Amino acid sequence: MTYTEIHGARLHCRLDGAAGAPVVVFSNSLGTNLAMWDAQVPALAEKFRVLRYDSRGHGLSDVTPGPYTIEGLARDVVSLLDALQISTAHYCGLSVGGLIGQWLGIHASKRFQSLTLCNTAARIGTTDAWNTRIAAVREGGMTAIANGVIARWFTEDFAKRAPAAVEATRQMLLHSPPEGYAATGAALRDEDLRAAVSRVSLPTLVISGTRDAATTTADGRFIAEKIPGAQYVELDAAHLSNIEAAEPFTAALLKFLGQQEAK
């Protein structure tokens, strides 16, 4: 467990795996923390140095005044690499983490060897929908949105098969700082990379969930079609595909990263 001062905030991060191995940095979704990647770490850490962090306003990282921007959250990633003396890394982000990854691919490509963009879109949601959700959180806290968010994160089938996993993720959401959630929601509300995402030139894997209503397969295909040479994978899952379809998700990620390391 490590804390690093980045742009006026203390960010919580964790490194797993062998020192000197290629680095993969994981970026969490809105309302979660670095523990959302627990299922991926054991297999990844056998071959890579795994860097996870709680994004600003989430988990054990500081909640600084909002609103946040995708650019600011992306610059946090670059500064984290600087602070840890990591010159380049592979990047994997889900939902808002995937939007951050797109920004990094456009504006900071020299710091990354590849991008994995999961359950994300170049434009996530609508201004009105984000404003409604932000207002609900500010008025009623995380409990006000928890049921609706969990219903988007997982399919009913998975909730019946793996109630403990769903409940653990619900607790992650309920313990997410409301102000950090709202500030990051504003970043999502205000960002639209649909016209710019074609400027990404890094090797890219796009992962979508076939039953993801928050960032649909059409959203994922749009990104994959815009980024030259991007690979595309669909998994039988809703929004948090790395949890609901953990084994095929990890397998797809390892295969892609192995291809990049073999170059």
C-alpha atoms as a PDB file:
ATOM      1  CA  MET A   1       0.000   0.000   0.000  1.00  0.00           C
ATOM      2  CA  THR A   2       1.470   3.317  -1.099  1.00  0.00           C
ATOM      3  CA  TYR A   3       0.351   6.939  -1.038  1.00  0.00           C
ATOM      4  CA  THR A   4       1.715   9.400  -3.570  1.00  0.00           C
ATOM      5  CA  GLU A   5       1.142  13.163  -3.699  1.00  0.00           C
ATOM      6  CA  ILE A   6      -0.223  14.083  -7.144  1.00  0.00           C
ATOM      7  CA  HIS A   7      -1.497  17.540  -8.127  1.00  0.00           C
ATOM      8  CA  GLY A   8      -2.640  18.472  -4.648  1.00  0.00           C
ATOM      9  CA  ALA A   9      -4.082  15.073  -3.781  1.00  0.00           C
ATOM     10  CA  ARG A  10      -2.747  12.018  -1.986  1.00  0.00           C
ATOM     11  CA  LEU A  11      -3.457   9.055  -4.260  1.00  0.00           C
ATOM     12  CA  HIS A  12      -3.589   5.514  -2.934  1.00  0.00           C
ATOM     13  CA  CYS A  13      -1.903   2.898  -5.110  1.00  0.00           C
ATOM     14  CA  ARG A  14      -0.632  -0.652  -4.927  1.00  0.00           C
ATOM     15  CA  LEU A  15       2.036  -2.594  -6.813  1.00  0.00           C
ATOM     16  CA  ASP A  16       1.982  -6.375  -7.237  1.00  0.00           C
ATOM     17  CA  GLY A  17       4.255  -8.688  -9.194  1.00  0.00           C
ATOM     18  CA  ALA A  18       7.958  -8.838  -9.801  1.00  0.00           C
ATOM     19  CA  ALA A  19      10.025  -5.674  -9.826  1.00  0.00           C
ATOM     20  CA  GLY A  20      11.474  -5.091 -13.267  1.00  0.00           C
ATOM     21  CA  ALA A  21       8.611  -6.772 -15.122  1.00  0.00           C
ATOM     22  CA  PRO A  22       6.601  -4.776 -17.694  1.00  0.00           C
ATOM     23  CA  VAL A  23       4.074  -2.546 -15.931  1.00  0.00           C
ATOM     24  CA  VAL A  24       0.298  -2.666 -16.416  1.00  0.00           C
ATOM     25  CA  VAL A  25      -1.654   0.160 -14.801  1.00  0.00           C
ATOM     26  CA  PHE A  26      -5.331  -0.451 -13.971  1.00  0.00           C
ATOM     27  CA  SER A  27      -7.846   2.388 -13.619  1.00  0.00           C
ATOM     28  CA  ASN A  28     -11.115   1.828 -11.742  1.00  0.00           C
ATOM     29  CA  SER A  29     -14.671   2.614 -12.738  1.00  0.00           C
ATOM     30  CA  LEU A  30     -16.889   5.286 -11.200  1.00  0.00           C
ATOM     31  CA  GLY A  31     -17.920   4.344  -7.677  1.00  0.00           C
ATOM     32  CA  THR A  32     -15.350   1.597  -7.134  1.00  0.00           C
ATOM     33  CA  ASN A  33     -11.708   1.382  -6.075  1.00  0.00           C
ATOM     34  CA  LEU A  34      -8.597  -0.590  -6.935  1.00  0.00           C
ATOM     35  CA  ALA A  35     -10.120  -3.751  -5.394  1.00  0.00           C
ATOM     36  CA  MET A  36     -12.383  -4.069  -8.427  1.00  0.00           C
ATOM     37  CA  TRP A  37      -9.365  -5.629 -10.195  1.00  0.00           C
ATOM     38  CA  ASP A  38      -8.702  -8.304  -7.559  1.00  0.00           C
ATOM     39  CA  ALA A  39      -9.722 -11.121  -9.886  1.00  0.00           C
ATOM     40  CA  GLN A  40      -7.165 -10.089 -12.501  1.00  0.00           C
ATOM     41  CA  VAL A  41      -4.142  -9.617 -10.237  1.00  0.00           C
ATOM     42  CA  PRO A  42      -3.001 -13.217  -9.555  1.00  0.00           C
ATOM     43  CA  ALA A  43      -2.634 -14.158 -13.218  1.00  0.00           C
ATOM     44  CA  LEU A  44      -1.306 -10.763 -14.327  1.00  0.00           C
ATOM     45  CA  ALA A  45       1.253 -10.570 -11.517  1.00  0.00           C
ATOM     46  CA  GLU A  46       2.933 -13.746 -12.768  1.00  0.00           C
ATOM     47  CA  LYS A  47       4.200 -11.903 -15.839  1.00  0.00           C
ATOM     48  CA  PHE A  48       3.728  -8.197 -15.142  1.00  0.00           C
ATOM     49  CA  ARG A  49       4.196  -5.518 -12.517  1.00  0.00           C
ATOM     50  CA  VAL A  50       0.584  -4.607 -11.709  1.00  0.00           C
ATOM     51  CA  LEU A  51      -0.064  -0.998 -10.687  1.00  0.00           C
ATOM     52  CA  ARG A  52      -3.526  -0.275  -9.335  1.00  0.00           C
ATOM     53  CA  TYR A  53      -4.661   3.038  -7.889  1.00  0.00           C
ATOM     54  CA  ASP A  54      -7.783   4.636  -6.461  1.00  0.00           C
ATOM     55  CA  SER A  55      -8.654   7.465  -8.800  1.00  0.00           C
ATOM     56  CA  ARG A  56      -9.028  10.932  -7.309  1.00  0.00           C
ATOM     57  CA  GLY A  57     -12.131  11.096  -5.121  1.00  0.00           C
ATOM     58  CA  HIS A  58     -12.360   7.313  -4.791  1.00  0.00           C
ATOM     59  CA  GLY A  59     -11.298   4.636  -2.328  1.00  0.00           C
ATOM     60  CA  LEU A  60      -8.498   5.787  -0.044  1.00  0.00           C
ATOM     61  CA  SER A  61      -7.368   8.608  -2.334  1.00  0.00           C
ATOM     62  CA  ASP A  62      -8.122  12.196  -1.372  1.00  0.00           C
ATOM     63  CA  VAL A  63     -11.373  13.842  -2.338  1.00  0.00           C
ATOM     64  CA  THR A  64     -10.387  17.216  -3.754  1.00  0.00           C
ATOM     65  CA  PRO A  65     -12.969  19.868  -4.698  1.00  0.00           C
ATOM     66  CA  GLY A  66     -14.808  19.181  -7.953  1.00  0.00           C
ATOM     67  CA  PRO A  67     -15.792  19.213 -10.643  1.00  0.00           C
ATOM     68  CA  TYR A  68     -13.075  16.998 -12.121  1.00  0.00           C
ATOM     69  CA  THR A  69     -12.178  16.676 -15.807  1.00  0.00           C
ATOM     70  CA  ILE A  70     -11.102  13.657 -17.810  1.00  0.00           C
ATOM     71  CA  GLU A  71      -7.936  15.545 -18.704  1.00  0.00           C
ATOM     72  CA  GLY A  72      -7.151  16.139 -15.034  1.00  0.00           C
ATOM     73  CA  LEU A  73      -7.812  12.506 -14.123  1.00  0.00           C
ATOM     74  CA  ALA A  74      -5.631  11.392 -17.031  1.00  0.00           C
ATOM     75  CA  ARG A  75      -2.814  13.700 -15.980  1.00  0.00           C
ATOM     76  CA  ASP A  76      -3.010  12.053 -12.549  1.00  0.00           C
ATOM     77  CA  VAL A  77      -2.053   8.772 -14.236  1.00  0.00           C
ATOM     78  CA  VAL A  78       0.961  10.297 -15.986  1.00  0.00           C
ATOM     79  CA  SER A  79       2.090  11.979 -12.770  1.00  0.00           C
ATOM     80  CA  LEU A  80       1.681   8.705 -10.879  1.00  0.00           C
ATOM     81  CA  LEU A  81       3.990   7.012 -13.373  1.00  0.00           C
ATOM     82  CA  ASP A  82       6.447   9.876 -12.938  1.00  0.00           C
ATOM     83  CA  ALA A  83       6.340   9.613  -9.147  1.00  0.00           C
ATOM     84  CA  LEU A  84       6.979   5.869  -9.289  1.00  0.00           C
ATOM     85  CA  GLN A  85       9.720   6.334 -11.922  1.00  0.00           C
ATOM     86  CA  ILE A  86       7.887   4.243 -14.511  1.00  0.00           C
ATOM     87  CA  SER A  87       8.809   5.433 -17.995  1.00  0.00           C
ATOM     88  CA  THR A  88       6.177   3.477 -19.941  1.00  0.00           C
ATOM     89  CA  ALA A  89       3.332   1.107 -19.131  1.00  0.00           C
ATOM     90  CA  HIS A  90       0.448  -0.815 -20.585  1.00  0.00           C
ATOM     91  CA  TYR A  91      -2.907   0.696 -19.591  1.00  0.00           C
ATOM     92  CA  CYS A  92      -6.240  -0.955 -18.747  1.00  0.00           C
ATOM     93  CA  GLY A  93      -9.266   1.075 -17.680  1.00  0.00           C
ATOM     94  CA  LEU A  94     -12.975   0.348 -17.351  1.00  0.00           C
ATOM     95  CA  SER A  95     -15.849   2.799 -17.898  1.00  0.00           C
ATOM     96  CA  VAL A  96     -14.481   6.214 -16.815  1.00  0.00           C
ATOM     97  CA  GLY A  97     -11.100   4.471 -16.702  1.00  0.00           C
ATOM     98  CA  GLY A  98     -11.584   3.629 -20.368  1.00  0.00           C
ATOM     99  CA  LEU A  99     -12.416   7.247 -21.175  1.00  0.00           C
ATOM    100  CA  ILE A 100      -9.263   8.306 -19.336  1.00  0.00           C
ATOM    101  CA  GLY A 101      -7.376   5.751 -21.438  1.00  0.00           C
ATOM    102  CA  GLN A 102      -8.680   7.274 -24.653  1.00  0.00           C
ATOM    103  CA  TRP A 103      -7.478  10.713 -23.544  1.00  0.00           C
ATOM    104  CA  LEU A 104      -4.068   9.262 -22.714  1.00  0.00           C
ATOM    105  CA  GLY A 105      -3.874   7.561 -26.090  1.00  0.00           C
ATOM    106  CA  ILE A 106      -4.599  10.882 -27.803  1.00  0.00           C
ATOM    107  CA  HIS A 107      -2.432  13.186 -25.685  1.00  0.00           C
ATOM    108  CA  ALA A 108       0.201  11.067 -23.868  1.00  0.00           C
ATOM    109  CA  SER A 109       0.863   8.147 -26.176  1.00  0.00           C
ATOM    110  CA  LYS A 110       4.625   8.170 -25.588  1.00  0.00           C
ATOM    111  CA  ARG A 111       4.068   6.986 -22.011  1.00  0.00           C
ATOM    112  CA  PHE A 112       2.088   3.893 -22.963  1.00  0.00           C
ATOM    113  CA  GLN A 113       2.787   0.684 -24.838  1.00  0.00           C
ATOM    114  CA  SER A 114      -0.844  -0.329 -25.291  1.00  0.00           C
ATOM    115  CA  LEU A 115      -4.398   0.482 -24.234  1.00  0.00           C
ATOM    116  CA  THR A 116      -7.155  -1.860 -23.078  1.00  0.00           C
ATOM    117  CA  LEU A 117     -10.441   0.047 -23.043  1.00  0.00           C
ATOM    118  CA  CYS A 118     -13.185  -1.852 -21.238  1.00  0.00           C
ATOM    119  CA  ASN A 119     -16.935  -1.287 -21.054  1.00  0.00           C
ATOM    120  CA  THR A 120     -16.527   2.299 -22.118  1.00  0.00           C
ATOM    121  CA  ALA A 121     -17.483   4.802 -24.797  1.00  0.00           C
ATOM    122  CA  ALA A 122     -16.074   7.920 -26.399  1.00  0.00           C
ATOM    123  CA  ARG A 123     -19.128   9.701 -24.968  1.00  0.00           C
ATOM    124  CA  ILE A 124     -20.717   8.121 -21.883  1.00  0.00           C
ATOM    125  CA  GLY A 125     -24.311   9.052 -21.069  1.00  0.00           C
ATOM    126  CA  THR A 126     -26.033  12.400 -21.514  1.00  0.00           C
ATOM    127  CA  THR A 127     -25.711  15.749 -19.790  1.00  0.00           C
ATOM    128  CA  ASP A 128     -29.214  15.513 -18.304  1.00  0.00           C
ATOM    129  CA  ALA A 129     -28.686  11.968 -17.023  1.00  0.00           C
ATOM    130  CA  TRP A 130     -25.426  12.911 -15.321  1.00  0.00           C
ATOM    131  CA  ASN A 131     -26.913  16.036 -13.779  1.00  0.00           C
ATOM    132  CA  THR A 132     -29.794  13.961 -12.395  1.00  0.00           C
ATOM    133  CA  ARG A 133     -27.452  11.385 -10.905  1.00  0.00           C
ATOM    134  CA  ILE A 134     -25.111  14.007  -9.449  1.00  0.00           C
ATOM    135  CA  ALA A 135     -28.078  15.764  -7.820  1.00  0.00           C
ATOM    136  CA  ALA A 136     -29.335  12.472  -6.388  1.00  0.00           C
ATOM    137  CA  VAL A 137     -25.955  11.691  -4.822  1.00  0.00           C
ATOM    138  CA  ARG A 138     -25.585  15.171  -3.368  1.00  0.00           C
ATOM    139  CA  GLU A 139     -29.074  15.014  -1.880  1.00  0.00           C
ATOM    140  CA  GLY A 140     -29.281  11.414  -0.730  1.00  0.00           C
ATOM    141  CA  GLY A 141     -25.740  10.030  -0.700  1.00  0.00           C
ATOM    142  CA  MET A 142     -24.664   6.790  -2.332  1.00  0.00           C
ATOM    143  CA  THR A 143     -27.668   4.831  -1.082  1.00  0.00           C
ATOM    144  CA  ALA A 144     -29.889   6.964  -3.325  1.00  0.00           C
ATOM    145  CA  ILE A 145     -28.391   5.445  -6.490  1.00  0.00           C
ATOM    146  CA  ALA A 146     -27.043   2.092  -5.302  1.00  0.00           C
ATOM    147  CA  ASN A 147     -29.814  -0.197  -6.527  1.00  0.00           C
ATOM    148  CA  GLY A 148     -29.925   1.354  -9.980  1.00  0.00           C
ATOM    149  CA  VAL A 149     -26.152   1.270 -10.367  1.00  0.00           C
ATOM    150  CA  ILE A 150     -25.851  -2.367  -9.277  1.00  0.00           C
ATOM    151  CA  ALA A 151     -28.588  -3.319 -11.752  1.00  0.00           C
ATOM    152  CA  ARG A 152     -26.478  -1.802 -14.534  1.00  0.00           C
ATOM    153  CA  TRP A 153     -23.230  -3.310 -13.283  1.00  0.00           C
ATOM    154  CA  PHE A 154     -24.359  -6.960 -13.240  1.00  0.00           C
ATOM    155  CA  THR A 155     -26.922  -9.161 -14.948  1.00  0.00           C
ATOM    156  CA  GLU A 156     -29.663 -10.781 -12.879  1.00  0.00           C
ATOM    157  CA  ASP A 157     -28.183 -14.178 -13.703  1.00  0.00           C
ATOM    158  CA  PHE A 158     -24.823 -13.226 -12.217  1.00  0.00           C
ATOM    159  CA  ALA A 159     -26.471 -11.699  -9.138  1.00  0.00           C
ATOM    160  CA  LYS A 160     -28.135 -15.066  -8.483  1.00  0.00           C
ATOM    161  CA  ARG A 161     -24.975 -17.090  -9.203  1.00  0.00           C
ATOM    162  CA  ALA A 162     -22.536 -14.905  -7.273  1.00  0.00           C
ATOM    163  CA  PRO A 163     -24.391 -12.929  -4.591  1.00  0.00           C
ATOM    164  CA  ALA A 164     -21.234 -12.504  -2.485  1.00  0.00           C
ATOM    165  CA  ALA A 165     -19.351 -10.853  -5.351  1.00  0.00           C
ATOM    166  CA  VAL A 166     -22.262  -8.529  -6.072  1.00  0.00           C
ATOM    167  CA  GLU A 167     -22.627  -7.592  -2.408  1.00  0.00           C
ATOM    168  CA  ALA A 168     -18.897  -6.893  -2.084  1.00  0.00           C
ATOM    169  CA  THR A 169     -19.129  -4.555  -5.055  1.00  0.00           C
ATOM    170  CA  ARG A 170     -22.245  -2.916  -3.625  1.00  0.00           C
ATOM    171  CA  GLN A 171     -20.314  -2.187  -0.435  1.00  0.00           C
ATOM    172  CA  MET A 172     -17.524  -0.690  -2.520  1.00  0.00           C
ATOM    173  CA  LEU A 173     -20.092   1.632  -4.105  1.00  0.00           C
ATOM    174  CA  LEU A 174     -21.803   2.510  -0.814  1.00  0.00           C
ATOM    175  CA  HIS A 175     -18.454   3.446   0.735  1.00  0.00           C
ATOM    176  CA  SER A 176     -17.434   5.587  -2.235  1.00  0.00           C
ATOM    177  CA  PRO A 177     -17.160   9.263  -1.184  1.00  0.00           C
ATOM    178  CA  PRO A 178     -20.265  11.060  -2.531  1.00  0.00           C
ATOM    179  CA  GLU A 179     -18.365  14.247  -3.408  1.00  0.00           C
ATOM    180  CA  GLY A 180     -15.727  12.288  -5.296  1.00  0.00           C
ATOM    181  CA  TYR A 181     -18.443  10.409  -7.150  1.00  0.00           C
ATOM    182  CA  ALA A 182     -20.239  13.626  -8.068  1.00  0.00           C
ATOM    183  CA  ALA A 183     -17.023  15.359  -9.139  1.00  0.00           C
ATOM    184  CA  THR A 184     -16.087  12.411 -11.391  1.00  0.00           C
ATOM    185  CA  GLY A 185     -19.635  12.281 -12.718  1.00  0.00           C
ATOM    186  CA  ALA A 186     -19.137  15.870 -13.851  1.00  0.00           C
ATOM    187  CA  ALA A 187     -15.988  14.813 -15.722  1.00  0.00           C
ATOM    188  CA  LEU A 188     -17.995  12.141 -17.522  1.00  0.00           C
ATOM    189  CA  ARG A 189     -20.809  14.593 -18.226  1.00  0.00           C
ATOM    190  CA  ASP A 190     -18.464  17.104 -19.835  1.00  0.00           C
ATOM    191  CA  GLU A 191     -16.235  14.854 -21.994  1.00  0.00           C
ATOM    192  CA  ASP A 192     -16.872  13.832 -25.590  1.00  0.00           C
ATOM    193  CA  LEU A 193     -14.024  12.168 -27.497  1.00  0.00           C
ATOM    194  CA  ARG A 194     -16.026  10.880 -30.457  1.00  0.00           C
ATOM    195  CA  ALA A 195     -14.337  13.264 -32.877  1.00  0.00           C
ATOM    196  CA  ALA A 196     -10.855  12.728 -31.437  1.00  0.00           C
ATOM    197  CA  VAL A 197     -10.586   9.015 -30.633  1.00  0.00           C
ATOM    198  CA  SER A 198      -9.388   8.182 -34.159  1.00  0.00           C
ATOM    199  CA  ARG A 199      -6.137   9.954 -33.216  1.00  0.00           C
ATOM    200  CA  VAL A 200      -5.191   7.059 -30.931  1.00  0.00           C
ATOM    201  CA  SER A 201      -2.338   5.183 -32.590  1.00  0.00           C
ATOM    202  CA  LEU A 202      -1.362   2.792 -29.807  1.00  0.00           C
ATOM    203  CA  PRO A 203      -2.109  -0.946 -29.990  1.00  0.00           C
ATOM    204  CA  THR A 204      -5.593  -1.152 -28.518  1.00  0.00           C
ATOM    205  CA  LEU A 205      -7.942  -3.832 -27.226  1.00  0.00           C
ATOM    206  CA  VAL A 206     -11.594  -2.883 -26.734  1.00  0.00           C
ATOM    207  CA  ILE A 207     -13.680  -5.117 -24.449  1.00  0.00           C
ATOM    208  CA  SER A 208     -17.467  -4.809 -24.335  1.00  0.00           C
ATOM    209  CA  GLY A 209     -20.204  -6.642 -22.447  1.00  0.00           C
ATOM    210  CA  THR A 210     -23.008  -8.066 -24.568  1.00  0.00           C
ATOM    211  CA  ARG A 211     -25.523  -7.102 -21.865  1.00  0.00           C
ATOM    212  CA  ASP A 212     -24.004  -3.772 -20.872  1.00  0.00           C
ATOM    213  CA  ALA A 213     -26.709  -1.104 -20.995  1.00  0.00           C
ATOM    214  CA  ALA A 214     -24.441   1.661 -19.683  1.00  0.00           C
ATOM    215  CA  THR A 215     -21.785   1.468 -22.406  1.00  0.00           C
ATOM    216  CA  THR A 216     -23.201  -0.722 -25.139  1.00  0.00           C
ATOM    217  CA  THR A 217     -21.564  -2.990 -27.668  1.00  0.00           C
ATOM    218  CA  ALA A 218     -22.289  -0.276 -30.242  1.00  0.00           C
ATOM    219  CA  ASP A 219     -20.213   2.118 -28.129  1.00  0.00           C
ATOM    220  CA  GLY A 220     -17.360  -0.370 -27.980  1.00  0.00           C
ATOM    221  CA  ARG A 221     -17.475  -1.124 -31.695  1.00  0.00           C
ATOM    222  CA  PHE A 222     -17.412   2.599 -32.451  1.00  0.00           C
ATOM    223  CA  ILE A 223     -14.126   2.964 -30.586  1.00  0.00           C
ATOM    224  CA  ALA A 224     -12.644  -0.163 -32.141  1.00  0.00           C
ATOM    225  CA  GLU A 225     -13.583   0.983 -35.636  1.00  0.00           C
ATOM    226  CA  LYS A 226     -12.152   4.465 -35.094  1.00  0.00           C
ATOM    227  CA  ILE A 227      -8.777   3.340 -33.704  1.00  0.00           C
ATOM    228  CA  PRO A 228      -6.577   1.907 -36.461  1.00  0.00           C
ATOM    229  CA  GLY A 229      -5.873  -1.793 -35.936  1.00  0.00           C
ATOM    230  CA  ALA A 230      -7.814  -2.073 -32.681  1.00  0.00           C
ATOM    231  CA  GLN A 231      -8.890  -5.521 -31.531  1.00  0.00           C
ATOM    232  CA  TYR A 232     -12.426  -6.065 -30.251  1.00  0.00           C
ATOM    233  CA  VAL A 233     -13.807  -8.651 -27.810  1.00  0.00           C
ATOM    234  CA  GLU A 234     -17.346  -9.104 -26.502  1.00  0.00           C
ATOM    235  CA  LEU A 235     -17.974 -10.939 -23.246  1.00  0.00           C
ATOM    236  CA  ASP A 236     -21.252 -12.285 -21.854  1.00  0.00           C
ATOM    237  CA  ALA A 237     -21.573  -9.721 -19.081  1.00  0.00           C
ATOM    238  CA  ALA A 238     -23.046  -6.383 -18.106  1.00  0.00           C
ATOM    239  CA  HIS A 239     -20.987  -3.297 -17.182  1.00  0.00           C
ATOM    240  CA  LEU A 240     -18.356  -4.722 -14.823  1.00  0.00           C
ATOM    241  CA  SER A 241     -17.254  -7.448 -17.206  1.00  0.00           C
ATOM    242  CA  ASN A 242     -13.936  -7.977 -15.435  1.00  0.00           C
ATOM    243  CA  ILE A 243     -15.888  -9.234 -12.400  1.00  0.00           C
ATOM    244  CA  GLU A 244     -18.870 -10.937 -14.047  1.00  0.00           C
ATOM    245  CA  ALA A 245     -16.769 -12.634 -16.734  1.00  0.00           C
ATOM    246  CA  ALA A 246     -13.480 -12.609 -14.833  1.00  0.00           C
ATOM    247  CA  GLU A 247     -11.810 -15.633 -16.435  1.00  0.00           C
ATOM    248  CA  PRO A 248     -12.460 -14.790 -20.115  1.00  0.00           C
ATOM    249  CA  PHE A 249     -11.682 -11.131 -19.389  1.00  0.00           C
ATOM    250  CA  THR A 250      -8.316 -12.004 -17.871  1.00  0.00           C
ATOM    251  CA  ALA A 251      -7.573 -14.460 -20.671  1.00  0.00           C
ATOM    252  CA  ALA A 252      -8.321 -11.853 -23.354  1.00  0.00           C
ATOM    253  CA  LEU A 253      -6.186  -9.256 -21.577  1.00  0.00           C
ATOM    254  CA  LEU A 254      -3.249 -11.635 -21.124  1.00  0.00           C
ATOM    255  CA  LYS A 255      -3.406 -12.705 -24.754  1.00  0.00           C
ATOM    256  CA  PHE A 256      -3.375  -9.087 -25.937  1.00  0.00           C
ATOM    257  CA  LEU A 257      -0.567  -8.046 -23.603  1.00  0.00           C
ATOM    258  CA  GLY A 258       1.443 -11.092 -24.622  1.00  0.00           C
ATOM    259  CA  GLN A 259       1.124 -10.063 -28.248  1.00  0.00           C
ATOM    260  CA  GLN A 260       2.467  -6.608 -27.432  1.00  0.00           C
ATOM    261  CA  GLU A 261       5.393  -7.938 -25.396  1.00  0.00           C
ATOM    262  CA  ALA A 262       6.314 -10.339 -28.218  1.00  0.00           C
ATOM    263  CA  LYS A 263       6.804  -7.492 -30.674  1.00  0.00           C
END
